[in-house]
Amino acid sequence: MQTATEGSAAAPRRVDALLAHYAESHRHPRNEAIHCVAIPLIMLSLIGLLYAMHPWVAYAFVLASMVYYVRLSAVFLVAMAVLSLVALAAVQAMGDRVLPISAAIFVLAWIAQFVGHKIEGRKPSFFEDLQYLWVGPLFVLSLLFRKLGIRW
């Protein structure tokens, strides 16, 4: 007699299901390439805009994001923590110009994202669920990790 788990494949991990769903609207090579540039820039600019409000707002956002990532994957958590620290250092290096630089990057990167989705012919995933705003950076990392043979 077979048990329920013997007769079926194991359910995908939540992070894998989120990435698979995200990938459905990011298959066109140009859209994927645009996302690989625009998503890190959006992440940087968002941290910069929050930092311009008050540094602790940016720190709180980064911390809240890490709470989300810790629930998905230790490998992604570590990678996102490192990238967030790099972004915070870059934002601090912008000094008095953090607001205009971050605002310009934010607008231009989002325009690029929507151009990519126009090319793709599919709407952005976050229109369905806002958590995909946090999945986007993981998607970019997953592409890099696949090339490097890193499992998450």
N, C-alpha and C. Protein backbone atom coordinates (compact mmCIF):
# COMPACT_ATOMS: atom_id res chain seq x y z
N MET A 1 0.84 -1.18 0.00
CA MET A 1 0.00 0.00 0.00
C MET A 1 0.89 1.25 0.00
N GLN A 2 0.60 2.19 -0.90
CA GLN A 2 1.38 3.42 -0.99
C GLN A 2 0.84 4.47 -0.03
N THR A 3 1.77 5.24 0.55
CA THR A 3 1.33 6.37 1.35
C THR A 3 1.09 7.54 0.42
N ALA A 4 0.47 8.57 0.92
CA ALA A 4 0.14 9.73 0.09
C ALA A 4 1.41 10.38 -0.48
N THR A 5 2.49 10.39 0.28
CA THR A 5 3.70 11.05 -0.20
C THR A 5 4.46 10.20 -1.21
N GLU A 6 4.32 8.89 -1.16
CA GLU A 6 5.02 8.03 -2.11
C GLU A 6 4.45 8.16 -3.51
N GLY A 7 3.16 8.39 -3.61
CA GLY A 7 2.50 8.43 -4.91
C GLY A 7 2.57 9.77 -5.60
N SER A 8 3.05 10.81 -4.92
CA SER A 8 3.10 12.12 -5.54
C SER A 8 4.42 12.82 -5.20
N ALA A 9 4.77 13.74 -6.05
CA ALA A 9 6.00 14.51 -5.80
C ALA A 9 5.77 15.46 -4.63
N ALA A 10 6.84 15.79 -3.97
CA ALA A 10 6.74 16.73 -2.85
C ALA A 10 6.30 18.10 -3.38
N ALA A 11 5.53 18.78 -2.58
CA ALA A 11 5.07 20.12 -2.95
C ALA A 11 6.28 21.05 -3.04
N PRO A 12 6.27 21.96 -4.01
CA PRO A 12 7.40 22.88 -4.11
C PRO A 12 7.46 23.80 -2.89
N ARG A 13 8.68 24.21 -2.56
CA ARG A 13 8.83 25.16 -1.47
C ARG A 13 8.17 26.47 -1.88
N ARG A 14 7.77 27.25 -0.89
CA ARG A 14 7.09 28.51 -1.16
C ARG A 14 7.94 29.41 -2.05
N VAL A 15 9.24 29.51 -1.77
CA VAL A 15 10.11 30.37 -2.56
C VAL A 15 10.15 29.91 -4.01
N ASP A 16 10.17 28.61 -4.25
CA ASP A 16 10.19 28.09 -5.61
C ASP A 16 8.87 28.37 -6.33
N ALA A 17 7.76 28.24 -5.61
CA ALA A 17 6.45 28.54 -6.21
C ALA A 17 6.34 30.03 -6.56
N LEU A 18 6.82 30.90 -5.67
CA LEU A 18 6.79 32.34 -5.95
C LEU A 18 7.65 32.69 -7.15
N LEU A 19 8.85 32.12 -7.22
CA LEU A 19 9.74 32.39 -8.34
C LEU A 19 9.18 31.85 -9.65
N ALA A 20 8.56 30.69 -9.61
CA ALA A 20 7.96 30.11 -10.82
C ALA A 20 6.83 30.99 -11.33
N HIS A 21 6.01 31.47 -10.42
CA HIS A 21 4.90 32.36 -10.82
C HIS A 21 5.45 33.67 -11.37
N TYR A 22 6.44 34.20 -10.73
CA TYR A 22 7.06 35.45 -11.18
C TYR A 22 7.65 35.27 -12.58
N ALA A 23 8.31 34.15 -12.79
CA ALA A 23 8.97 33.88 -14.07
C ALA A 23 7.97 33.81 -15.23
N GLU A 24 6.72 33.47 -14.95
CA GLU A 24 5.71 33.36 -16.01
C GLU A 24 5.54 34.67 -16.77
N SER A 25 5.73 35.80 -16.11
CA SER A 25 5.58 37.09 -16.80
C SER A 25 6.93 37.75 -17.08
N HIS A 26 7.98 36.93 -17.06
CA HIS A 26 9.34 37.44 -17.32
C HIS A 26 10.12 36.44 -18.17
N ARG A 27 9.56 36.05 -19.30
CA ARG A 27 10.18 35.04 -20.16
C ARG A 27 10.94 35.65 -21.34
N HIS A 28 10.52 36.80 -21.79
CA HIS A 28 11.19 37.42 -22.94
C HIS A 28 12.59 37.84 -22.52
N PRO A 29 13.61 37.49 -23.32
CA PRO A 29 14.99 37.81 -22.94
C PRO A 29 15.24 39.30 -22.69
N ARG A 30 14.61 40.17 -23.49
CA ARG A 30 14.82 41.61 -23.27
C ARG A 30 14.16 42.07 -21.98
N ASN A 31 12.98 41.56 -21.68
CA ASN A 31 12.31 41.91 -20.43
C ASN A 31 13.14 41.41 -19.25
N GLU A 32 13.64 40.21 -19.36
CA GLU A 32 14.48 39.64 -18.30
C GLU A 32 15.73 40.48 -18.10
N ALA A 33 16.37 40.89 -19.18
CA ALA A 33 17.58 41.72 -19.09
C ALA A 33 17.27 43.08 -18.45
N ILE A 34 16.16 43.67 -18.87
CA ILE A 34 15.74 44.95 -18.28
C ILE A 34 15.55 44.78 -16.78
N HIS A 35 14.89 43.71 -16.38
CA HIS A 35 14.65 43.48 -14.96
C HIS A 35 15.95 43.28 -14.18
N CYS A 36 16.92 42.65 -14.81
CA CYS A 36 18.20 42.42 -14.12
C CYS A 36 18.94 43.72 -13.82
N VAL A 37 18.64 44.76 -14.57
CA VAL A 37 19.22 46.07 -14.29
C VAL A 37 18.27 46.91 -13.43
N ALA A 38 17.01 46.94 -13.82
CA ALA A 38 16.05 47.85 -13.18
C ALA A 38 15.71 47.45 -11.75
N ILE A 39 15.58 46.17 -11.47
CA ILE A 39 15.19 45.77 -10.11
C ILE A 39 16.25 46.17 -9.08
N PRO A 40 17.53 45.91 -9.31
CA PRO A 40 18.51 46.40 -8.33
C PRO A 40 18.51 47.92 -8.20
N LEU A 41 18.28 48.62 -9.32
CA LEU A 41 18.22 50.08 -9.25
C LEU A 41 17.00 50.56 -8.47
N ILE A 42 15.87 49.88 -8.63
CA ILE A 42 14.68 50.23 -7.86
C ILE A 42 14.93 49.97 -6.38
N MET A 43 15.55 48.85 -6.08
CA MET A 43 15.87 48.55 -4.68
C MET A 43 16.75 49.65 -4.09
N LEU A 44 17.80 50.03 -4.81
CA LEU A 44 18.70 51.10 -4.36
C LEU A 44 17.93 52.41 -4.17
N SER A 45 17.13 52.76 -5.16
CA SER A 45 16.42 54.04 -5.09
C SER A 45 15.36 54.06 -4.00
N LEU A 46 14.69 52.94 -3.79
CA LEU A 46 13.69 52.88 -2.72
C LEU A 46 14.35 53.07 -1.36
N ILE A 47 15.46 52.40 -1.15
CA ILE A 47 16.19 52.58 0.10
C ILE A 47 16.65 54.04 0.22
N GLY A 48 17.07 54.64 -0.89
CA GLY A 48 17.48 56.04 -0.88
C GLY A 48 16.34 56.98 -0.56
N LEU A 49 15.17 56.75 -1.15
CA LEU A 49 14.02 57.60 -0.86
C LEU A 49 13.61 57.49 0.61
N LEU A 50 13.62 56.27 1.13
CA LEU A 50 13.28 56.08 2.54
C LEU A 50 14.34 56.71 3.45
N TYR A 51 15.59 56.59 3.05
CA TYR A 51 16.69 57.17 3.81
C TYR A 51 16.56 58.70 3.85
N ALA A 52 16.11 59.28 2.73
CA ALA A 52 15.92 60.73 2.67
C ALA A 52 14.83 61.18 3.64
N MET A 53 13.82 60.32 3.85
CA MET A 53 12.79 60.64 4.84
C MET A 53 13.41 60.67 6.23
N HIS A 54 14.12 59.60 6.55
CA HIS A 54 14.89 59.47 7.79
C HIS A 54 15.65 58.15 7.70
N PRO A 55 16.93 58.15 8.07
CA PRO A 55 17.69 56.89 7.98
C PRO A 55 17.01 55.71 8.66
N TRP A 56 16.36 55.92 9.78
CA TRP A 56 15.72 54.81 10.48
C TRP A 56 14.55 54.22 9.70
N VAL A 57 13.94 55.02 8.84
CA VAL A 57 12.86 54.49 7.99
C VAL A 57 13.46 53.48 7.01
N ALA A 58 14.61 53.82 6.45
CA ALA A 58 15.28 52.88 5.53
C ALA A 58 15.73 51.63 6.27
N TYR A 59 16.30 51.81 7.45
CA TYR A 59 16.74 50.65 8.24
C TYR A 59 15.56 49.74 8.59
N ALA A 60 14.44 50.35 8.97
CA ALA A 60 13.25 49.56 9.32
C ALA A 60 12.73 48.79 8.11
N PHE A 61 12.75 49.43 6.94
CA PHE A 61 12.32 48.75 5.72
C PHE A 61 13.21 47.56 5.42
N VAL A 62 14.53 47.77 5.51
CA VAL A 62 15.48 46.68 5.25
C VAL A 62 15.25 45.54 6.25
N LEU A 63 15.08 45.88 7.50
CA LEU A 63 14.84 44.85 8.52
C LEU A 63 13.55 44.09 8.25
N ALA A 64 12.48 44.79 7.90
CA ALA A 64 11.21 44.14 7.59
C ALA A 64 11.36 43.23 6.37
N SER A 65 12.14 43.67 5.39
CA SER A 65 12.38 42.84 4.21
C SER A 65 13.13 41.57 4.59
N MET A 66 14.07 41.67 5.51
CA MET A 66 14.83 40.50 5.94
C MET A 66 13.92 39.50 6.66
N VAL A 67 12.94 40.01 7.40
CA VAL A 67 11.96 39.13 8.05
C VAL A 67 11.19 38.34 6.99
N TYR A 68 10.83 39.00 5.89
CA TYR A 68 10.15 38.31 4.78
C TYR A 68 11.07 37.25 4.19
N TYR A 69 12.33 37.62 3.92
CA TYR A 69 13.25 36.70 3.26
C TYR A 69 13.66 35.52 4.13
N VAL A 70 13.75 35.72 5.44
CA VAL A 70 14.15 34.62 6.33
C VAL A 70 13.12 33.49 6.27
N ARG A 71 11.90 33.82 5.95
CA ARG A 71 10.84 32.82 5.87
C ARG A 71 10.87 32.04 4.57
N LEU A 72 11.70 32.50 3.61
CA LEU A 72 11.74 31.85 2.30
C LEU A 72 12.99 31.01 2.08
N SER A 73 14.15 31.56 2.41
CA SER A 73 15.40 30.86 2.07
C SER A 73 16.57 31.51 2.79
N ALA A 74 17.39 30.71 3.44
CA ALA A 74 18.58 31.23 4.12
C ALA A 74 19.57 31.81 3.11
N VAL A 75 19.72 31.18 1.96
CA VAL A 75 20.66 31.66 0.95
C VAL A 75 20.21 33.03 0.42
N PHE A 76 18.93 33.16 0.11
CA PHE A 76 18.43 34.45 -0.36
C PHE A 76 18.51 35.49 0.75
N LEU A 77 18.25 35.10 1.98
CA LEU A 77 18.35 36.03 3.11
C LEU A 77 19.75 36.62 3.19
N VAL A 78 20.76 35.78 3.15
CA VAL A 78 22.14 36.25 3.25
C VAL A 78 22.47 37.17 2.06
N ALA A 79 22.09 36.75 0.87
CA ALA A 79 22.37 37.56 -0.33
C ALA A 79 21.67 38.92 -0.25
N MET A 80 20.41 38.91 0.16
CA MET A 80 19.67 40.17 0.24
C MET A 80 20.19 41.05 1.37
N ALA A 81 20.66 40.46 2.45
CA ALA A 81 21.24 41.24 3.54
C ALA A 81 22.51 41.95 3.05
N VAL A 82 23.35 41.21 2.34
CA VAL A 82 24.59 41.81 1.81
C VAL A 82 24.25 42.91 0.81
N LEU A 83 23.33 42.64 -0.11
CA LEU A 83 22.96 43.66 -1.10
C LEU A 83 22.33 44.88 -0.45
N SER A 84 21.55 44.66 0.59
CA SER A 84 20.93 45.77 1.31
C SER A 84 21.98 46.63 2.01
N LEU A 85 22.99 45.99 2.58
CA LEU A 85 24.08 46.74 3.21
C LEU A 85 24.85 47.55 2.17
N VAL A 86 25.08 46.97 1.01
CA VAL A 86 25.76 47.69 -0.07
C VAL A 86 24.90 48.88 -0.50
N ALA A 87 23.59 48.66 -0.63
CA ALA A 87 22.69 49.75 -1.02
C ALA A 87 22.69 50.86 0.03
N LEU A 88 22.66 50.48 1.30
CA LEU A 88 22.69 51.49 2.37
C LEU A 88 23.99 52.29 2.33
N ALA A 89 25.10 51.63 2.07
CA ALA A 89 26.39 52.33 1.96
C ALA A 89 26.38 53.28 0.77
N ALA A 90 25.83 52.84 -0.36
CA ALA A 90 25.75 53.69 -1.55
C ALA A 90 24.86 54.91 -1.30
N VAL A 91 23.76 54.67 -0.61
CA VAL A 91 22.83 55.76 -0.29
C VAL A 91 23.51 56.77 0.64
N GLN A 92 24.23 56.27 1.63
CA GLN A 92 24.94 57.18 2.53
C GLN A 92 25.99 57.98 1.77
N ALA A 93 26.63 57.36 0.79
CA ALA A 93 27.65 58.04 -0.01
C ALA A 93 27.05 59.14 -0.89
N MET A 94 25.76 59.07 -1.16
CA MET A 94 25.11 60.12 -1.96
C MET A 94 25.01 61.43 -1.20
N GLY A 95 25.11 61.37 0.11
CA GLY A 95 25.08 62.58 0.93
C GLY A 95 23.83 63.40 0.73
N ASP A 96 24.02 64.71 0.55
CA ASP A 96 22.89 65.64 0.41
C ASP A 96 22.07 65.40 -0.85
N ARG A 97 22.62 64.68 -1.79
CA ARG A 97 21.94 64.47 -3.08
C ARG A 97 21.12 63.18 -3.10
N VAL A 98 20.97 62.53 -1.96
CA VAL A 98 20.27 61.25 -1.92
C VAL A 98 18.85 61.35 -2.47
N LEU A 99 18.13 62.39 -2.14
CA LEU A 99 16.74 62.50 -2.61
C LEU A 99 16.65 62.69 -4.12
N PRO A 100 17.31 63.66 -4.72
CA PRO A 100 17.16 63.80 -6.18
C PRO A 100 17.75 62.62 -6.97
N ILE A 101 18.86 62.08 -6.50
CA ILE A 101 19.44 60.93 -7.20
C ILE A 101 18.52 59.73 -7.11
N SER A 102 18.02 59.45 -5.92
CA SER A 102 17.14 58.30 -5.72
C SER A 102 15.83 58.46 -6.49
N ALA A 103 15.28 59.68 -6.48
CA ALA A 103 14.03 59.92 -7.21
C ALA A 103 14.22 59.71 -8.71
N ALA A 104 15.32 60.21 -9.25
CA ALA A 104 15.59 60.04 -10.68
C ALA A 104 15.77 58.57 -11.04
N ILE A 105 16.55 57.86 -10.24
CA ILE A 105 16.76 56.43 -10.49
C ILE A 105 15.44 55.68 -10.41
N PHE A 106 14.63 56.00 -9.40
CA PHE A 106 13.35 55.33 -9.20
C PHE A 106 12.45 55.48 -10.42
N VAL A 107 12.30 56.71 -10.89
CA VAL A 107 11.42 56.97 -12.04
C VAL A 107 11.95 56.27 -13.29
N LEU A 108 13.22 56.43 -13.58
CA LEU A 108 13.79 55.84 -14.80
C LEU A 108 13.73 54.30 -14.76
N ALA A 109 14.02 53.72 -13.60
CA ALA A 109 13.99 52.25 -13.50
C ALA A 109 12.58 51.72 -13.66
N TRP A 110 11.58 52.43 -13.11
CA TRP A 110 10.20 51.96 -13.28
C TRP A 110 9.74 52.12 -14.72
N ILE A 111 10.16 53.18 -15.38
CA ILE A 111 9.84 53.31 -16.80
C ILE A 111 10.41 52.12 -17.56
N ALA A 112 11.65 51.77 -17.27
CA ALA A 112 12.28 50.61 -17.93
C ALA A 112 11.49 49.34 -17.64
N GLN A 113 11.05 49.16 -16.41
CA GLN A 113 10.27 47.96 -16.05
C GLN A 113 9.01 47.86 -16.91
N PHE A 114 8.31 48.98 -17.04
CA PHE A 114 7.07 48.95 -17.81
C PHE A 114 7.33 48.76 -19.31
N VAL A 115 8.44 49.29 -19.80
CA VAL A 115 8.84 49.01 -21.18
C VAL A 115 9.07 47.51 -21.34
N GLY A 116 9.76 46.92 -20.38
CA GLY A 116 10.00 45.47 -20.43
C GLY A 116 8.71 44.68 -20.45
N HIS A 117 7.73 45.10 -19.65
CA HIS A 117 6.46 44.38 -19.63
C HIS A 117 5.64 44.64 -20.90
N LYS A 118 5.84 45.78 -21.52
CA LYS A 118 5.20 46.04 -22.82
C LYS A 118 5.79 45.06 -23.85
N ILE A 119 7.09 44.89 -23.82
CA ILE A 119 7.76 43.93 -24.72
C ILE A 119 7.24 42.52 -24.43
N GLU A 120 7.14 42.19 -23.15
CA GLU A 120 6.69 40.86 -22.72
C GLU A 120 5.24 40.62 -23.09
N GLY A 121 4.43 41.68 -23.03
CA GLY A 121 3.01 41.54 -23.30
C GLY A 121 2.23 41.02 -22.10
N ARG A 122 2.82 41.14 -20.91
CA ARG A 122 2.16 40.68 -19.68
C ARG A 122 2.32 41.74 -18.62
N LYS A 123 1.33 41.82 -17.75
CA LYS A 123 1.40 42.82 -16.68
C LYS A 123 2.37 42.37 -15.58
N PRO A 124 2.90 43.33 -14.84
CA PRO A 124 3.81 42.98 -13.74
C PRO A 124 3.11 42.13 -12.68
N SER A 125 3.85 41.23 -12.08
CA SER A 125 3.30 40.30 -11.08
C SER A 125 2.75 41.02 -9.86
N PHE A 126 3.35 42.16 -9.49
CA PHE A 126 2.89 42.83 -8.27
C PHE A 126 1.50 43.43 -8.44
N PHE A 127 0.97 43.49 -9.68
CA PHE A 127 -0.41 43.92 -9.86
C PHE A 127 -1.37 42.90 -9.24
N GLU A 128 -0.94 41.64 -9.17
CA GLU A 128 -1.74 40.58 -8.55
C GLU A 128 -1.56 40.55 -7.04
N ASP A 129 -0.31 40.73 -6.60
CA ASP A 129 0.02 40.58 -5.18
C ASP A 129 1.28 41.41 -4.90
N LEU A 130 1.19 42.31 -3.94
CA LEU A 130 2.31 43.20 -3.64
C LEU A 130 3.57 42.48 -3.18
N GLN A 131 3.43 41.27 -2.66
CA GLN A 131 4.64 40.56 -2.21
C GLN A 131 5.62 40.32 -3.35
N TYR A 132 5.14 40.39 -4.59
CA TYR A 132 6.05 40.19 -5.72
C TYR A 132 7.05 41.35 -5.87
N LEU A 133 6.80 42.47 -5.18
CA LEU A 133 7.81 43.52 -5.14
C LEU A 133 9.05 43.04 -4.39
N TRP A 134 8.88 42.12 -3.43
CA TRP A 134 10.01 41.54 -2.70
C TRP A 134 10.55 40.30 -3.41
N VAL A 135 9.75 39.70 -4.26
CA VAL A 135 10.18 38.52 -5.01
C VAL A 135 11.06 38.92 -6.20
N GLY A 136 10.81 40.09 -6.77
CA GLY A 136 11.59 40.56 -7.92
C GLY A 136 13.10 40.47 -7.71
N PRO A 137 13.63 41.00 -6.58
CA PRO A 137 15.07 40.87 -6.37
C PRO A 137 15.52 39.41 -6.27
N LEU A 138 14.68 38.55 -5.73
CA LEU A 138 15.03 37.13 -5.65
C LEU A 138 15.07 36.51 -7.04
N PHE A 139 14.20 36.96 -7.91
CA PHE A 139 14.19 36.47 -9.29
C PHE A 139 15.53 36.79 -9.97
N VAL A 140 15.98 38.03 -9.81
CA VAL A 140 17.27 38.43 -10.39
C VAL A 140 18.39 37.59 -9.79
N LEU A 141 18.37 37.43 -8.46
CA LEU A 141 19.38 36.59 -7.82
C LEU A 141 19.31 35.15 -8.30
N SER A 142 18.10 34.64 -8.49
CA SER A 142 17.95 33.24 -8.93
C SER A 142 18.58 33.02 -10.29
N LEU A 143 18.49 34.02 -11.17
CA LEU A 143 19.13 33.91 -12.49
C LEU A 143 20.64 33.84 -12.33
N LEU A 144 21.18 34.68 -11.46
CA LEU A 144 22.62 34.67 -11.19
C LEU A 144 23.03 33.36 -10.52
N PHE A 145 22.27 32.94 -9.52
CA PHE A 145 22.59 31.71 -8.79
C PHE A 145 22.58 30.50 -9.69
N ARG A 146 21.63 30.44 -10.64
CA ARG A 146 21.60 29.32 -11.58
C ARG A 146 22.88 29.26 -12.39
N LYS A 147 23.34 30.43 -12.87
CA LYS A 147 24.58 30.47 -13.67
C LYS A 147 25.78 30.06 -12.84
N LEU A 148 25.76 30.37 -11.55
CA LEU A 148 26.88 30.05 -10.67
C LEU A 148 26.76 28.68 -10.01
N GLY A 149 25.62 28.02 -10.22
CA GLY A 149 25.40 26.70 -9.63
C GLY A 149 25.11 26.76 -8.13
N ILE A 150 24.56 27.87 -7.67
CA ILE A 150 24.23 28.02 -6.24
C ILE A 150 22.78 27.61 -6.01
N ARG A 151 22.58 26.73 -5.07
CA ARG A 151 21.22 26.29 -4.72
C ARG A 151 20.67 27.17 -3.62
N TRP A 152 19.39 27.44 -3.73
CA TRP A 152 18.75 28.24 -2.70
C TRP A 152 17.66 27.46 -2.02
